[in-house]
Protein backbone atom coordinates (compact mmCIF):
# COMPACT_ATOMS: atom_id res chain seq x y z
CA MET A 1 142.11 58.33 199.43
CA GLY A 2 143.76 59.09 196.17
CA PHE A 3 142.40 61.21 193.23
CA GLU A 4 141.02 59.21 190.28
CA PRO A 5 140.61 60.97 186.95
CA ARG A 6 137.07 61.03 185.41
CA MET A 7 136.67 58.70 182.50
CA ARG A 8 135.06 60.13 179.30
CA GLY A 9 132.48 57.80 177.82
CA ARG A 10 129.33 57.93 175.71
CA ARG A 11 126.41 59.68 177.20
CA PHE A 12 123.58 57.62 178.47
CA GLY A 13 120.83 56.96 175.98
CA ARG A 14 122.52 58.57 172.90
CA PRO A 15 122.83 56.19 169.93
CA VAL A 16 126.14 55.66 168.39
CA THR A 17 126.32 56.90 164.78
CA LYS A 18 129.16 57.11 162.40
CA LYS A 19 129.56 59.97 159.99
CA LYS A 20 129.43 58.96 156.38
CA LEU A 21 132.56 59.58 154.52
CA ALA A 22 132.59 61.97 151.59
CA LYS A 23 133.53 59.05 149.39
CA ASP A 24 130.38 57.19 150.44
CA LYS A 25 128.17 60.23 149.76
CA ARG A 26 129.71 60.70 146.34
CA GLY A 27 129.04 57.08 145.55
CA LEU A 28 125.38 57.41 146.53
CA ARG A 29 124.92 60.46 144.28
CA GLU A 30 126.46 58.70 141.33
CA THR A 31 124.27 55.66 141.94
CA SER A 32 121.16 57.84 142.11
CA ARG A 33 122.11 59.68 138.94
CA PHE A 34 122.78 56.44 137.14
CA TYR A 35 119.37 55.18 138.22
CA GLU A 36 117.62 58.29 136.92
CA GLU A 37 119.37 58.17 133.58
CA SER A 38 118.60 54.55 133.13
CA ASN A 39 114.86 55.08 133.78
CA PRO A 40 113.25 54.31 130.37
CA VAL A 41 110.82 56.67 128.62
CA ASP A 42 107.30 55.31 128.47
CA LEU A 43 106.65 55.59 124.75
CA ASN A 44 103.21 54.05 125.02
CA GLN A 45 102.14 56.72 127.47
CA ILE A 46 103.53 59.48 125.24
CA ARG A 47 101.67 57.98 122.29
CA SER A 48 98.42 57.65 124.25
CA VAL A 49 98.49 61.23 125.55
CA THR A 50 99.32 62.68 122.13
CA MET A 51 96.72 60.65 120.25
CA ASN A 52 94.02 61.47 122.80
CA SER A 53 94.86 65.17 122.54
CA LEU A 54 94.67 64.99 118.74
CA GLU A 55 91.29 63.30 118.97
CA HIS A 56 90.07 66.07 121.26
CA LEU A 57 91.32 68.76 118.87
CA GLY A 58 89.72 66.97 115.93
CA ASN A 59 86.31 67.00 117.64
CA GLN A 60 86.57 70.53 118.98
CA ARG A 61 83.64 72.77 117.94
CA PHE A 62 83.60 76.53 117.53
CA ALA A 63 80.28 78.08 118.52
CA LEU A 64 80.14 81.43 116.74
CA PRO A 65 81.86 83.17 113.82
CA PRO A 66 84.22 84.66 112.91
CA TYR A 67 85.79 81.19 112.72
CA SER A 68 89.10 82.53 111.39
CA GLU A 69 90.11 83.54 114.92
CA HIS A 70 89.37 80.03 116.17
CA PHE A 71 91.29 78.49 113.23
CA GLN A 72 94.47 80.40 114.12
CA ARG A 73 94.32 79.35 117.75
CA TRP A 74 93.52 75.76 116.80
CA MET A 75 96.51 75.51 114.44
CA LYS A 76 98.81 76.82 117.18
CA ASP A 77 97.49 74.17 119.58
CA VAL A 78 98.10 71.37 117.06
CA ALA A 79 101.60 72.60 116.24
CA ALA A 80 102.48 72.94 119.94
CA LEU A 81 101.19 69.43 120.66
CA LEU A 82 103.31 67.87 117.90
CA ALA A 83 106.38 69.85 118.96
CA ASP A 84 105.97 68.60 122.53
CA PHE A 85 105.56 65.06 121.20
CA GLU A 86 108.87 65.25 119.35
CA THR A 87 110.80 66.65 122.30
CA ARG A 88 109.61 63.83 124.57
CA LEU A 89 110.75 61.08 122.24
CA PRO A 90 114.12 59.48 123.03
CA GLU A 91 115.05 59.45 119.35
CA PRO A 92 114.34 61.78 116.41
CA ILE A 93 111.38 60.97 114.21
CA ASP A 94 112.13 59.34 110.88
CA GLN A 95 112.67 62.07 108.30
CA GLN A 96 110.20 60.59 105.85
CA LEU A 97 107.52 60.34 108.51
CA LYS A 98 108.33 63.82 109.77
CA GLY A 99 107.89 65.10 106.22
CA SER A 100 104.48 63.41 106.04
CA MET A 101 103.41 65.09 109.28
CA GLY A 102 104.60 68.44 107.99
CA LYS A 103 102.65 67.90 104.77
CA THR A 104 99.50 67.12 106.75
CA LEU A 105 99.93 70.32 108.75
CA SER A 106 100.45 72.36 105.56
CA GLU A 107 97.36 70.87 103.95
CA ILE A 108 95.09 71.61 106.88
CA GLU A 109 96.57 75.09 107.22
CA ASN A 110 95.87 75.81 103.53
CA ALA A 111 92.33 74.45 103.85
CA LEU A 112 91.63 76.68 106.85
CA ARG A 113 93.20 79.64 105.05
CA GLU A 114 90.76 79.14 102.17
CA ARG A 115 87.88 78.97 104.63
CA THR A 116 89.10 82.19 106.21
CA ALA A 117 89.22 83.94 102.81
CA ILE A 118 85.65 82.85 102.05
CA GLU A 119 84.50 83.96 105.47
CA THR A 120 86.18 87.34 105.05
CA ASP A 121 84.51 87.83 101.66
CA VAL A 122 81.07 86.86 102.93
CA SER A 123 81.50 89.00 106.03
CA GLY A 124 82.51 91.98 103.90
CA ARG A 125 79.49 91.56 101.63
CA LEU A 126 77.20 91.23 104.64
CA SER A 127 78.59 94.39 106.22
CA GLU A 128 78.25 96.35 102.97
CA THR A 129 74.69 95.13 102.41
CA GLN A 130 73.72 95.99 105.96
CA ARG A 131 75.24 99.44 105.51
CA GLN A 132 73.23 100.02 102.33
CA ILE A 133 70.05 98.79 103.98
CA ALA A 134 70.56 101.20 106.86
CA ALA A 135 71.22 104.05 104.41
CA HIS A 136 68.07 103.31 102.40
CA GLU A 137 65.96 102.98 105.54
CA SER A 138 67.27 106.35 106.68
CA ALA A 139 66.52 107.84 103.24
CA LEU A 140 62.99 106.45 103.37
CA LEU A 141 62.42 107.94 106.81
CA THR A 142 63.75 111.30 105.64
CA LEU A 143 61.51 111.16 102.56
CA GLU A 144 58.42 110.47 104.66
CA ASN A 145 59.26 113.28 107.08
CA ASP A 146 59.91 115.72 104.22
CA TYR A 147 56.61 114.75 102.60
CA LYS A 148 54.67 115.33 105.80
CA THR A 149 56.41 118.65 106.36
CA GLY A 150 55.90 119.73 102.75
CA THR A 151 52.19 118.92 102.67
CA HIS A 152 51.68 120.61 106.02
CA GLN A 153 53.38 123.79 104.80
CA THR A 154 51.38 123.77 101.55
CA ARG A 155 48.10 123.35 103.38
CA ARG A 156 48.99 126.06 105.86
CA ARG A 157 49.95 128.51 103.11
CA GLN A 158 46.75 127.83 101.16
CA GLU A 159 44.61 128.01 104.28
CA GLN A 160 45.95 131.48 104.96
CA SER A 161 45.05 132.45 101.39
CA PHE A 162 41.60 130.86 101.80
CA ALA A 163 41.00 132.80 104.99
CA ARG A 164 41.84 136.09 103.26
CA LEU A 165 39.66 135.37 100.23
CA HIS A 166 36.82 134.10 102.39
CA SER A 167 36.97 137.26 104.46
CA GLU A 168 36.83 139.39 101.30
CA VAL A 169 33.90 137.38 99.95
CA GLU A 170 31.97 137.79 103.18
CA ALA A 171 32.62 141.54 103.19
CA LEU A 172 31.37 141.87 99.60
CA GLU A 173 28.31 139.81 100.35
CA LYS A 174 27.46 141.92 103.38
CA GLU A 175 27.89 145.10 101.36
CA ARG A 176 25.73 143.79 98.54
CA LEU A 177 22.96 142.78 100.91
CA ARG A 178 23.12 146.13 102.67
CA ARG A 179 22.70 148.00 99.40
CA LEU A 180 19.89 145.75 98.25
CA HIS A 181 17.91 146.33 101.41
CA ALA A 182 18.70 150.02 101.73
CA GLY A 183 16.54 152.37 99.62
CA PRO A 184 17.92 155.32 97.59
CA ARG A 185 18.88 158.35 99.63
CA PHE A 186 16.99 161.69 99.43
CA PHE A 187 19.32 163.49 97.01
CA GLN A 188 19.63 160.39 94.90
CA ARG A 189 15.86 160.33 94.43
CA ILE A 190 15.75 164.06 93.56
CA PHE A 191 18.51 163.90 91.02
CA HIS A 192 17.57 160.41 89.88
CA ARG A 193 21.03 159.17 90.74
CA SER A 194 21.96 156.02 92.56
CA ASP A 195 25.02 154.07 93.59
CA ALA A 196 26.42 151.45 91.36
CA ASN A 197 24.11 148.68 90.46
CA PRO A 198 24.00 146.10 93.26
CA GLU A 199 24.27 143.47 90.55
CA GLN A 200 27.79 144.79 89.79
CA LYS A 201 28.71 144.14 93.40
CA SER A 202 27.38 140.68 92.83
CA ASP A 203 29.86 140.27 89.97
CA SER A 204 32.71 141.21 92.32
CA PHE A 205 31.36 138.71 94.79
CA ARG A 206 31.27 135.98 92.18
CA ALA A 207 34.82 136.87 91.06
CA LYS A 208 36.11 136.43 94.59
CA GLU A 209 34.23 133.17 94.94
CA THR A 210 35.78 131.99 91.68
CA GLU A 211 39.23 132.96 92.93
CA LEU A 212 38.59 131.09 96.16
CA ALA A 213 37.48 127.99 94.26
CA ASN A 214 40.52 128.19 91.98
CA SER A 215 42.77 128.43 95.03
CA ARG A 216 41.21 125.26 96.41
CA LYS A 217 41.77 123.51 93.10
CA GLN A 218 45.36 124.76 93.05
CA LEU A 219 45.88 123.33 96.51
CA ALA A 220 44.50 119.99 95.40
CA ARG A 221 46.83 119.99 92.36
CA GLU A 222 49.90 120.84 94.47
CA LEU A 223 49.06 118.16 97.01
CA GLU A 224 48.54 115.60 94.25
CA THR A 225 51.88 116.52 92.65
CA GLN A 226 53.64 116.17 95.98
CA ARG A 227 51.93 112.82 96.60
CA ARG A 228 52.94 111.44 93.21
CA GLN A 229 56.54 112.54 93.63
CA PHE A 230 56.60 111.03 97.10
CA GLU A 231 55.10 107.73 95.93
CA THR A 232 57.58 107.48 93.05
CA LYS A 233 60.60 108.04 95.27
CA ARG A 234 59.25 105.78 97.99
CA ARG A 235 58.64 102.99 95.51
CA GLU A 236 62.20 103.28 94.21
CA ILE A 237 63.64 103.07 97.74
CA THR A 238 61.38 100.22 98.88
CA GLU A 239 62.16 98.17 95.74
CA ARG A 240 65.88 98.67 96.36
CA LEU A 241 65.41 97.71 100.00
CA SER A 242 63.65 94.50 98.98
CA ILE A 243 66.56 93.56 96.72
CA LEU A 244 69.11 94.33 99.42
CA ARG A 245 67.24 92.38 102.09
CA ALA A 246 66.90 89.38 99.78
CA GLY A 247 70.63 89.54 99.08
CA LEU A 248 71.33 89.74 102.81
CA GLU A 249 69.32 86.60 103.49
CA LYS A 250 71.07 84.81 100.64
CA SER A 251 74.48 85.79 101.99
CA LYS A 252 73.51 84.52 105.43
CA GLU A 253 72.75 81.15 103.87
CA SER A 254 76.35 80.83 102.65
CA LYS A 255 78.02 77.67 103.90
CA LEU A 256 80.12 79.03 106.72
CA ASP A 257 81.02 76.52 109.41
CA ASP A 258 83.85 75.61 111.74
CA ALA A 259 85.41 73.11 109.27
CA LEU A 260 84.86 70.28 111.72
CA GLU A 261 85.09 67.46 109.18
CA THR A 262 88.25 68.89 107.61
CA ARG A 263 89.96 69.34 110.97
CA LYS A 264 88.80 65.94 112.20
CA ALA A 265 90.20 64.17 109.10
CA ALA A 266 93.55 65.96 109.51
CA CYS A 267 93.81 64.97 113.18
CA GLU A 268 93.01 61.35 112.33
CA GLN A 269 95.84 61.40 109.81
CA LEU A 270 98.19 62.90 112.39
CA ARG A 271 97.13 60.25 114.92
CA THR A 272 98.14 57.57 112.45
CA GLN A 273 101.49 59.24 111.86
CA VAL A 274 102.15 59.60 115.59
CA ASP A 275 101.37 55.93 116.05
CA GLU A 276 103.76 54.99 113.22
CA ALA A 277 106.52 57.17 114.69
CA VAL A 278 106.29 55.48 118.10
CA GLU A 279 106.11 52.01 116.55
CA LYS A 280 109.30 52.63 114.58
CA ILE A 281 111.17 53.72 117.69
CA LEU A 282 109.91 50.70 119.61
CA LYS A 283 111.07 48.38 116.83
CA GLN A 284 114.47 50.04 116.80
CA GLN A 285 114.81 49.65 120.55
CA LYS A 286 113.76 46.02 120.32
CA SER A 287 116.32 45.37 117.58
CA VAL A 288 119.07 46.96 119.69
CA ALA A 289 118.06 44.91 122.73
CA ILE A 290 118.13 41.67 120.70
CA GLY A 291 121.56 42.56 119.31
CA LEU A 292 122.89 43.05 122.80
């Protein structure tokens, strides 16, 4: 039996595939690239997205001041939206129309700048008025505390003087009563001599009483002077506070808002200009297609 060489053949069950040539691969890539480049830009979609975004920006509300911060951010959003719109267009915007859009942006920017200046002025006046109100309220509190302290010190000083005078009056009265009830001593009767007349002691007593009464009157005069000075100064401060508070309320009534109507009108104008820009490009493309 002779030797037969083994035949090489395809393996069982393995599909037969042919490797693609480099030339075929290159052709597929070029075809794919040509297909991508020929894919048209959807101008209607670009227009719809841009106009809807402008409508949203035109209706956007700002809750709380200061609105100037919101204005700056809002202008950046509008400018960024229009810049993105231009870059997505297959052709440049007509120069005249582009100038109109730029003019609209400048007008709304100037309007918001004026609003910002007014807001800054009103805010400054409010801050200054509030500062003055706080200063006057502090001055009024200090005045009231000083008045209470001053009257307390005056009363305490006079009370100490009253206590001393009252003690002296009581001592004189006791001495006078003792002498009135005590008879003359033995040697005084012999030599017909006596102590000073008890009525003279009574004069000293009355003098001290008069001094005590005058001290009370002096206290009343000092307290009345302090009260009048306090009332005068307090009236001046309270009148000034009333004026400042009225001015504060008036300043708060100043027409400060988020410029919704102004921004909305500008966005409507920009929407019209965006629509015109897309329509012009569509007409140009249609004219080119008809010419071909």
